[in-house]
Amino acid sequence: MRTNTAIIDDQGKLNNFAIEPKVYIDEQGDRTGFTAYAEMLNGRLAMIGFVSLIALEVFTGHGIVGVLASL
């Protein structure tokens, strides 16, 4: 029985082992460390935090220390 994964080598012997996949490097997969993606994400999260603190102060009349002290 012959399948698509079986190949015949240069000596005429049947090789029933699976064919190895081609090795490639994923350029988009590395999103850790000091990359442009990480820096952009960090900046966006900092902007969200800053705007949230300003909104907290506008709505409550106290800063973050005052809100935490009143808990």
PDB file of N, CA and C in Angstrom:
ATOM      1  N   MET A   1       0.846  -1.184   0.000  1.00  0.00           N
ATOM      2  CA  MET A   1       0.000   0.000   0.000  1.00  0.00           C
ATOM      3  C   MET A   1       0.885   1.239   0.000  1.00  0.00           C
ATOM      4  N   ARG A   2       0.603   2.139  -0.885  1.00  0.00           N
ATOM      5  CA  ARG A   2       1.418   3.337  -1.038  1.00  0.00           C
ATOM      6  C   ARG A   2       0.562   4.576  -0.800  1.00  0.00           C
ATOM      7  N   THR A   3       1.068   5.480   0.047  1.00  0.00           N
ATOM      8  CA  THR A   3       0.327   6.707   0.335  1.00  0.00           C
ATOM      9  C   THR A   3       1.124   7.891  -0.179  1.00  0.00           C
ATOM     10  N   ASN A   4       0.560   9.080   0.002  1.00  0.00           N
ATOM     11  CA  ASN A   4       1.248  10.290  -0.447  1.00  0.00           C
ATOM     12  C   ASN A   4       2.477  10.596   0.382  1.00  0.00           C
ATOM     13  N   THR A   5       2.534  10.097   1.632  1.00  0.00           N
ATOM     14  CA  THR A   5       3.674  10.397   2.489  1.00  0.00           C
ATOM     15  C   THR A   5       4.831   9.440   2.270  1.00  0.00           C
ATOM     16  N   ALA A   6       4.642   8.360   1.537  1.00  0.00           N
ATOM     17  CA  ALA A   6       5.724   7.413   1.287  1.00  0.00           C
ATOM     18  C   ALA A   6       6.512   7.864   0.061  1.00  0.00           C
ATOM     19  N   ILE A   7       7.823   7.847   0.185  1.00  0.00           N
ATOM     20  CA  ILE A   7       8.693   8.218  -0.938  1.00  0.00           C
ATOM     21  C   ILE A   7       9.747   7.133  -1.127  1.00  0.00           C
ATOM     22  N   ILE A   8      10.315   7.068  -2.286  1.00  0.00           N
ATOM     23  CA  ILE A   8      11.386   6.119  -2.591  1.00  0.00           C
ATOM     24  C   ILE A   8      12.685   6.894  -2.655  1.00  0.00           C
ATOM     25  N   ASP A   9      13.675   6.457  -1.865  1.00  0.00           N
ATOM     26  CA  ASP A   9      14.939   7.187  -1.816  1.00  0.00           C
ATOM     27  C   ASP A   9      15.821   6.830  -3.004  1.00  0.00           C
ATOM     28  N   ASP A  10      17.045   7.339  -3.034  1.00  0.00           N
ATOM     29  CA  ASP A  10      17.934   7.150  -4.177  1.00  0.00           C
ATOM     30  C   ASP A  10      18.424   5.714  -4.317  1.00  0.00           C
ATOM     31  N   GLN A  11      18.295   4.869  -3.300  1.00  0.00           N
ATOM     32  CA  GLN A  11      18.697   3.465  -3.378  1.00  0.00           C
ATOM     33  C   GLN A  11      17.521   2.561  -3.740  1.00  0.00           C
ATOM     34  N   GLY A  12      16.358   3.139  -3.959  1.00  0.00           N
ATOM     35  CA  GLY A  12      15.185   2.366  -4.337  1.00  0.00           C
ATOM     36  C   GLY A  12      14.411   1.814  -3.164  1.00  0.00           C
ATOM     37  N   LYS A  13      14.756   2.222  -1.957  1.00  0.00           N
ATOM     38  CA  LYS A  13      14.061   1.737  -0.772  1.00  0.00           C
ATOM     39  C   LYS A  13      12.857   2.634  -0.472  1.00  0.00           C
ATOM     40  N   LEU A  14      11.788   1.985   0.011  1.00  0.00           N
ATOM     41  CA  LEU A  14      10.578   2.715   0.342  1.00  0.00           C
ATOM     42  C   LEU A  14      10.726   3.348   1.718  1.00  0.00           C
ATOM     43  N   ASN A  15      10.434   4.623   1.799  1.00  0.00           N
ATOM     44  CA  ASN A  15      10.509   5.349   3.056  1.00  0.00           C
ATOM     45  C   ASN A  15       9.084   5.680   3.481  1.00  0.00           C
ATOM     46  N   ASN A  16       8.623   5.054   4.564  1.00  0.00           N
ATOM     47  CA  ASN A  16       7.249   5.253   5.034  1.00  0.00           C
ATOM     48  C   ASN A  16       7.119   6.352   6.066  1.00  0.00           C
ATOM     49  N   PHE A  17       8.202   7.005   6.436  1.00  0.00           N
ATOM     50  CA  PHE A  17       8.139   8.045   7.442  1.00  0.00           C
ATOM     51  C   PHE A  17       7.500   9.296   6.859  1.00  0.00           C
ATOM     52  N   ALA A  18       6.975  10.138   7.752  1.00  0.00           N
ATOM     53  CA  ALA A  18       6.316  11.369   7.317  1.00  0.00           C
ATOM     54  C   ALA A  18       7.337  12.324   6.708  1.00  0.00           C
ATOM     55  N   ILE A  19       6.913  13.060   5.732  1.00  0.00           N
ATOM     56  CA  ILE A  19       7.765  14.062   5.108  1.00  0.00           C
ATOM     57  C   ILE A  19       7.859  15.254   6.050  1.00  0.00           C
ATOM     58  N   GLU A  20       9.067  15.724   6.324  1.00  0.00           N
ATOM     59  CA  GLU A  20       9.250  16.836   7.246  1.00  0.00           C
ATOM     60  C   GLU A  20       8.729  18.127   6.629  1.00  0.00           C
ATOM     61  N   PRO A  21       8.088  18.962   7.431  1.00  0.00           N
ATOM     62  CA  PRO A  21       7.609  20.246   6.898  1.00  0.00           C
ATOM     63  C   PRO A  21       8.775  21.188   6.637  1.00  0.00           C
ATOM     64  N   LYS A  22       8.563  22.121   5.752  1.00  0.00           N
ATOM     65  CA  LYS A  22       9.591  23.111   5.458  1.00  0.00           C
ATOM     66  C   LYS A  22       9.721  24.070   6.641  1.00  0.00           C
ATOM     67  N   VAL A  23      10.952  24.409   7.003  1.00  0.00           N
ATOM     68  CA  VAL A  23      11.227  25.287   8.120  1.00  0.00           C
ATOM     69  C   VAL A  23      11.178  26.732   7.632  1.00  0.00           C
ATOM     70  N   TYR A  24      10.487  27.573   8.374  1.00  0.00           N
ATOM     71  CA  TYR A  24      10.406  28.982   8.022  1.00  0.00           C
ATOM     72  C   TYR A  24      10.463  29.816   9.290  1.00  0.00           C
ATOM     73  N   ILE A  25      10.763  31.082   9.140  1.00  0.00           N
ATOM     74  CA  ILE A  25      10.828  32.011  10.256  1.00  0.00           C
ATOM     75  C   ILE A  25       9.603  32.905  10.195  1.00  0.00           C
ATOM     76  N   ASP A  26       8.868  32.954  11.290  1.00  0.00           N
ATOM     77  CA  ASP A  26       7.673  33.782  11.370  1.00  0.00           C
ATOM     78  C   ASP A  26       8.096  35.191  11.767  1.00  0.00           C
ATOM     79  N   GLU A  27       8.046  36.118  10.840  1.00  0.00           N
ATOM     80  CA  GLU A  27       8.504  37.484  11.095  1.00  0.00           C
ATOM     81  C   GLU A  27       7.568  38.234  12.038  1.00  0.00           C
ATOM     82  N   GLN A  28       6.267  37.939  12.013  1.00  0.00           N
ATOM     83  CA  GLN A  28       5.299  38.655  12.832  1.00  0.00           C
ATOM     84  C   GLN A  28       5.159  38.045  14.220  1.00  0.00           C
ATOM     85  N   GLY A  29       5.690  36.864  14.460  1.00  0.00           N
ATOM     86  CA  GLY A  29       5.454  36.164  15.704  1.00  0.00           C
ATOM     87  C   GLY A  29       6.192  36.726  16.905  1.00  0.00           C
ATOM     88  N   ASP A  30       7.286  37.451  16.717  1.00  0.00           N
ATOM     89  CA  ASP A  30       8.068  37.919  17.850  1.00  0.00           C
ATOM     90  C   ASP A  30       7.533  39.267  18.314  1.00  0.00           C
ATOM     91  N   ARG A  31       6.664  39.243  19.310  1.00  0.00           N
ATOM     92  CA  ARG A  31       6.064  40.488  19.817  1.00  0.00           C
ATOM     93  C   ARG A  31       6.423  40.707  21.275  1.00  0.00           C
ATOM     94  N   THR A  32       7.592  40.222  21.679  1.00  0.00           N
ATOM     95  CA  THR A  32       8.038  40.420  23.048  1.00  0.00           C
ATOM     96  C   THR A  32       9.325  41.227  23.035  1.00  0.00           C
ATOM     97  N   GLY A  33       9.634  41.865  24.140  1.00  0.00           N
ATOM     98  CA  GLY A  33      10.857  42.652  24.230  1.00  0.00           C
ATOM     99  C   GLY A  33      10.630  44.073  23.767  1.00  0.00           C
ATOM    100  N   PHE A  34      11.707  44.757  23.449  1.00  0.00           N
ATOM    101  CA  PHE A  34      11.635  46.156  23.028  1.00  0.00           C
ATOM    102  C   PHE A  34      11.426  46.229  21.519  1.00  0.00           C
ATOM    103  N   THR A  35      10.223  45.948  21.088  1.00  0.00           N
ATOM    104  CA  THR A  35       9.885  46.028  19.673  1.00  0.00           C
ATOM    105  C   THR A  35       8.993  47.243  19.452  1.00  0.00           C
ATOM    106  N   ALA A  36       8.804  47.589  18.214  1.00  0.00           N
ATOM    107  CA  ALA A  36       7.942  48.730  17.889  1.00  0.00           C
ATOM    108  C   ALA A  36       6.503  48.460  18.336  1.00  0.00           C
ATOM    109  N   TYR A  37       6.057  47.215  18.200  1.00  0.00           N
ATOM    110  CA  TYR A  37       4.695  46.861  18.625  1.00  0.00           C
ATOM    111  C   TYR A  37       4.529  47.047  20.135  1.00  0.00           C
ATOM    112  N   ALA A  38       5.518  46.599  20.919  1.00  0.00           N
ATOM    113  CA  ALA A  38       5.432  46.715  22.373  1.00  0.00           C
ATOM    114  C   ALA A  38       5.445  48.173  22.810  1.00  0.00           C
ATOM    115  N   GLU A  39       6.250  48.983  22.167  1.00  0.00           N
ATOM    116  CA  GLU A  39       6.308  50.399  22.521  1.00  0.00           C
ATOM    117  C   GLU A  39       5.011  51.116  22.175  1.00  0.00           C
ATOM    118  N   MET A  40       4.409  50.778  21.040  1.00  0.00           N
ATOM    119  CA  MET A  40       3.132  51.388  20.668  1.00  0.00           C
ATOM    120  C   MET A  40       2.031  50.977  21.646  1.00  0.00           C
ATOM    121  N   LEU A  41       2.010  49.697  22.024  1.00  0.00           N
ATOM    122  CA  LEU A  41       1.011  49.221  22.968  1.00  0.00           C
ATOM    123  C   LEU A  41       1.196  49.886  24.326  1.00  0.00           C
ATOM    124  N   ASN A  42       2.436  50.019  24.775  1.00  0.00           N
ATOM    125  CA  ASN A  42       2.715  50.670  26.054  1.00  0.00           C
ATOM    126  C   ASN A  42       2.265  52.131  26.039  1.00  0.00           C
ATOM    127  N   GLY A  43       2.502  52.834  24.953  1.00  0.00           N
ATOM    128  CA  GLY A  43       2.077  54.225  24.834  1.00  0.00           C
ATOM    129  C   GLY A  43       0.566  54.361  24.848  1.00  0.00           C
ATOM    130  N   ARG A  44      -0.111  53.461  24.160  1.00  0.00           N
ATOM    131  CA  ARG A  44      -1.576  53.515  24.126  1.00  0.00           C
ATOM    132  C   ARG A  44      -2.175  53.239  25.503  1.00  0.00           C
ATOM    133  N   LEU A  45      -1.616  52.267  26.207  1.00  0.00           N
ATOM    134  CA  LEU A  45      -2.121  51.968  27.546  1.00  0.00           C
ATOM    135  C   LEU A  45      -1.837  53.117  28.513  1.00  0.00           C
ATOM    136  N   ALA A  46      -0.698  53.797  28.356  1.00  0.00           N
ATOM    137  CA  ALA A  46      -0.385  54.952  29.204  1.00  0.00           C
ATOM    138  C   ALA A  46      -1.356  56.095  28.937  1.00  0.00           C
ATOM    139  N   MET A  47      -1.714  56.303  27.668  1.00  0.00           N
ATOM    140  CA  MET A  47      -2.679  57.354  27.349  1.00  0.00           C
ATOM    141  C   MET A  47      -4.051  57.046  27.931  1.00  0.00           C
ATOM    142  N   ILE A  48      -4.462  55.772  27.886  1.00  0.00           N
ATOM    143  CA  ILE A  48      -5.751  55.381  28.467  1.00  0.00           C
ATOM    144  C   ILE A  48      -5.734  55.613  29.976  1.00  0.00           C
ATOM    145  N   GLY A  49      -4.630  55.255  30.636  1.00  0.00           N
ATOM    146  CA  GLY A  49      -4.521  55.462  32.080  1.00  0.00           C
ATOM    147  C   GLY A  49      -4.535  56.922  32.459  1.00  0.00           C
ATOM    148  N   PHE A  50      -3.838  57.746  31.692  1.00  0.00           N
ATOM    149  CA  PHE A  50      -3.795  59.182  31.978  1.00  0.00           C
ATOM    150  C   PHE A  50      -5.168  59.827  31.823  1.00  0.00           C
ATOM    151  N   VAL A  51      -5.871  59.484  30.759  1.00  0.00           N
ATOM    152  CA  VAL A  51      -7.212  60.033  30.540  1.00  0.00           C
ATOM    153  C   VAL A  51      -8.168  59.529  31.614  1.00  0.00           C
ATOM    154  N   SER A  52      -7.991  58.282  32.059  1.00  0.00           N
ATOM    155  CA  SER A  52      -8.846  57.749  33.125  1.00  0.00           C
ATOM    156  C   SER A  52      -8.623  58.492  34.432  1.00  0.00           C
ATOM    157  N   LEU A  53      -7.373  58.835  34.744  1.00  0.00           N
ATOM    158  CA  LEU A  53      -7.104  59.591  35.966  1.00  0.00           C
ATOM    159  C   LEU A  53      -7.686  60.999  35.906  1.00  0.00           C
ATOM    160  N   ILE A  54      -7.617  61.636  34.751  1.00  0.00           N
ATOM    161  CA  ILE A  54      -8.221  62.967  34.599  1.00  0.00           C
ATOM    162  C   ILE A  54      -9.741  62.867  34.750  1.00  0.00           C
ATOM    163  N   ALA A  55     -10.364  61.846  34.156  1.00  0.00           N
ATOM    164  CA  ALA A  55     -11.813  61.666  34.276  1.00  0.00           C
ATOM    165  C   ALA A  55     -12.206  61.380  35.720  1.00  0.00           C
ATOM    166  N   LEU A  56     -11.396  60.605  36.438  1.00  0.00           N
ATOM    167  CA  LEU A  56     -11.661  60.325  37.846  1.00  0.00           C
ATOM    168  C   LEU A  56     -11.653  61.603  38.669  1.00  0.00           C
ATOM    169  N   GLU A  57     -10.689  62.463  38.402  1.00  0.00           N
ATOM    170  CA  GLU A  57     -10.597  63.707  39.156  1.00  0.00           C
ATOM    171  C   GLU A  57     -11.742  64.659  38.803  1.00  0.00           C
ATOM    172  N   VAL A  58     -12.150  64.679  37.554  1.00  0.00           N
ATOM    173  CA  VAL A  58     -13.256  65.553  37.145  1.00  0.00           C
ATOM    174  C   VAL A  58     -14.564  65.098  37.775  1.00  0.00           C
ATOM    175  N   PHE A  59     -14.823  63.802  37.781  1.00  0.00           N
ATOM    176  CA  PHE A  59     -16.097  63.295  38.280  1.00  0.00           C
ATOM    177  C   PHE A  59     -16.180  63.267  39.802  1.00  0.00           C
ATOM    178  N   THR A  60     -15.064  63.013  40.494  1.00  0.00           N
ATOM    179  CA  THR A  60     -15.122  62.895  41.959  1.00  0.00           C
ATOM    180  C   THR A  60     -14.659  64.157  42.669  1.00  0.00           C
ATOM    181  N   GLY A  61     -13.867  64.968  42.033  1.00  0.00           N
ATOM    182  CA  GLY A  61     -13.346  66.162  42.677  1.00  0.00           C
ATOM    183  C   GLY A  61     -12.089  65.893  43.492  1.00  0.00           C
ATOM    184  N   HIS A  62     -11.651  64.655  43.538  1.00  0.00           N
ATOM    185  CA  HIS A  62     -10.442  64.281  44.260  1.00  0.00           C
ATOM    186  C   HIS A  62      -9.485  63.575  43.295  1.00  0.00           C
ATOM    187  N   GLY A  63      -8.216  63.617  43.647  1.00  0.00           N
ATOM    188  CA  GLY A  63      -7.249  62.864  42.875  1.00  0.00           C
ATOM    189  C   GLY A  63      -7.240  61.406  43.276  1.00  0.00           C
ATOM    190  N   ILE A  64      -6.307  60.634  42.744  1.00  0.00           N
ATOM    191  CA  ILE A  64      -6.259  59.202  43.038  1.00  0.00           C
ATOM    192  C   ILE A  64      -5.955  58.955  44.510  1.00  0.00           C
ATOM    193  N   VAL A  65      -5.129  59.797  45.132  1.00  0.00           N
ATOM    194  CA  VAL A  65      -4.803  59.634  46.550  1.00  0.00           C
ATOM    195  C   VAL A  65      -6.039  59.888  47.403  1.00  0.00           C
ATOM    196  N   GLY A  66      -6.807  60.916  47.058  1.00  0.00           N
ATOM    197  CA  GLY A  66      -8.032  61.218  47.810  1.00  0.00           C
ATOM    198  C   GLY A  66      -9.063  60.121  47.693  1.00  0.00           C
ATOM    199  N   VAL A  67      -9.190  59.522  46.519  1.00  0.00           N
ATOM    200  CA  VAL A  67     -10.152  58.434  46.334  1.00  0.00           C
ATOM    201  C   VAL A  67      -9.716  57.212  47.123  1.00  0.00           C
ATOM    202  N   LEU A  68      -8.418  56.889  47.096  1.00  0.00           N
ATOM    203  CA  LEU A  68      -7.935  55.731  47.837  1.00  0.00           C
ATOM    204  C   LEU A  68      -8.007  55.958  49.349  1.00  0.00           C
ATOM    205  N   ALA A  69      -7.819  57.203  49.788  1.00  0.00           N
ATOM    206  CA  ALA A  69      -7.893  57.501  51.224  1.00  0.00           C
ATOM    207  C   ALA A  69      -9.319  57.406  51.751  1.00  0.00           C
ATOM    208  N   SER A  70     -10.317  57.662  50.906  1.00  0.00           N
ATOM    209  CA  SER A  70     -11.700  57.616  51.362  1.00  0.00           C
ATOM    210  C   SER A  70     -12.277  56.205  51.359  1.00  0.00           C
ATOM    211  N   LEU A  71     -11.540  55.234  50.903  1.00  0.00           N
ATOM    212  CA  LEU A  71     -12.059  53.852  50.911  1.00  0.00           C
ATOM    213  C   LEU A  71     -11.993  53.329  52.273  1.00  0.00           C
TER     214      LEU A  71
END
